Protein backbone atom coordinates (compact mmCIF):
# COMPACT_ATOMS: atom_id res chain seq x y z
CA MET A 1 75.99 -38.32 30.91
CA THR A 2 72.32 -37.29 30.75
CA ASP A 3 69.78 -36.16 33.57
CA THR A 4 66.09 -37.41 33.38
CA THR A 5 63.28 -35.60 35.31
CA ASP A 6 59.87 -37.21 35.62
CA ILE A 7 57.16 -34.81 34.80
CA LYS A 8 53.73 -36.51 34.70
CA THR A 9 52.30 -39.75 33.59
CA ILE A 10 48.71 -39.61 32.05
CA SER A 11 46.55 -42.56 31.42
CA ALA A 12 45.35 -43.08 27.70
CA PRO A 13 42.74 -45.05 26.24
CA TRP A 14 43.20 -48.83 25.31
CA ASN A 15 45.45 -49.29 28.37
CA LYS A 16 48.22 -47.30 27.78
CA ASP A 17 50.23 -44.71 30.04
CA ILE A 18 52.17 -41.90 28.57
CA ASP A 19 55.05 -40.73 30.79
CA LEU A 20 56.48 -37.45 30.46
CA GLN A 21 60.00 -36.61 31.08
CA GLU A 22 62.23 -33.65 30.36
CA LYS A 23 65.92 -35.09 29.44
CA GLU A 24 68.76 -33.06 29.53
CA TYR A 25 71.84 -33.91 27.44
CA GLU A 26 75.61 -33.01 28.01
CA GLY A 27 75.97 -29.34 26.71
CA GLY A 28 72.49 -28.72 27.97
CA PHE A 29 70.22 -29.77 25.20
CA ARG A 30 67.21 -30.59 26.39
CA VAL A 31 63.98 -32.57 24.97
CA ILE A 32 60.59 -33.80 26.23
CA ARG A 33 60.38 -37.35 26.21
CA LEU A 34 57.04 -38.98 25.60
CA ARG A 35 57.08 -42.45 26.58
CA ILE A 36 54.06 -44.42 25.65
CA LYS A 37 53.96 -47.65 27.58
CA GLU A 38 51.15 -50.58 26.43
CA GLY A 39 51.91 -53.73 28.34
CA ARG A 40 55.49 -54.28 27.73
CA ARG A 41 56.19 -52.52 24.63
CA ILE A 42 57.67 -49.09 25.04
CA THR A 43 57.80 -46.10 22.42
CA ASP A 44 59.84 -43.18 23.16
CA LEU A 45 59.36 -39.84 21.34
CA GLU A 46 62.16 -36.86 22.06
CA LEU A 47 60.96 -33.56 20.94
CA ASP A 48 63.07 -30.22 20.87
CA SER A 49 61.05 -27.31 22.19
CA LEU A 50 60.36 -25.97 18.61
CA THR A 51 58.72 -29.31 17.60
CA ALA A 52 56.77 -29.81 21.23
CA ALA A 53 55.25 -26.35 20.59
CA ARG A 54 54.04 -27.08 17.04
CA LEU A 55 52.88 -30.50 18.07
CA GLY A 56 51.24 -28.80 21.31
CA ASP A 57 49.28 -26.14 19.20
CA PHE A 58 48.17 -28.93 16.80
CA LEU A 59 46.84 -31.20 19.95
CA LYS A 60 45.11 -28.32 21.40
CA ALA A 61 43.21 -27.31 18.60
CA TRP A 62 42.30 -30.83 17.59
CA ALA A 63 41.13 -31.32 21.13
CA ASP A 64 39.03 -28.04 21.11
CA ASP A 65 37.49 -29.17 17.81
CA ASN A 66 36.82 -32.80 19.36
CA PRO A 67 35.48 -32.35 22.90
CA PRO A 68 35.39 -35.30 25.39
CA PRO A 69 31.85 -36.98 26.03
CA PRO A 70 30.23 -35.86 29.00
CA ASP A 71 30.86 -38.87 31.17
CA ALA A 72 34.71 -38.96 30.05
CA GLU A 73 36.99 -39.33 32.95
CA GLU A 74 40.25 -37.19 33.22
CA SER A 75 43.33 -39.73 34.11
CA VAL A 76 46.35 -37.91 34.77
CA SER A 77 48.85 -38.45 37.60
């Protein structure tokens, strides 16, 4: 049996939603799931904590180097 907990939904460009979920498998192994929804299409990416940390570091560095335009809206629910 697995448990899944919804964390946050982020609206992304081109009518995509990114659902962040924590999923715990039997034995206590936890992953963060990024579920990207585009219309009826769904792509799941499950990351362990080490991979999530490395990806997070890269995304943060990229975002710092590529700030959004002044009129951009933040879309987080």
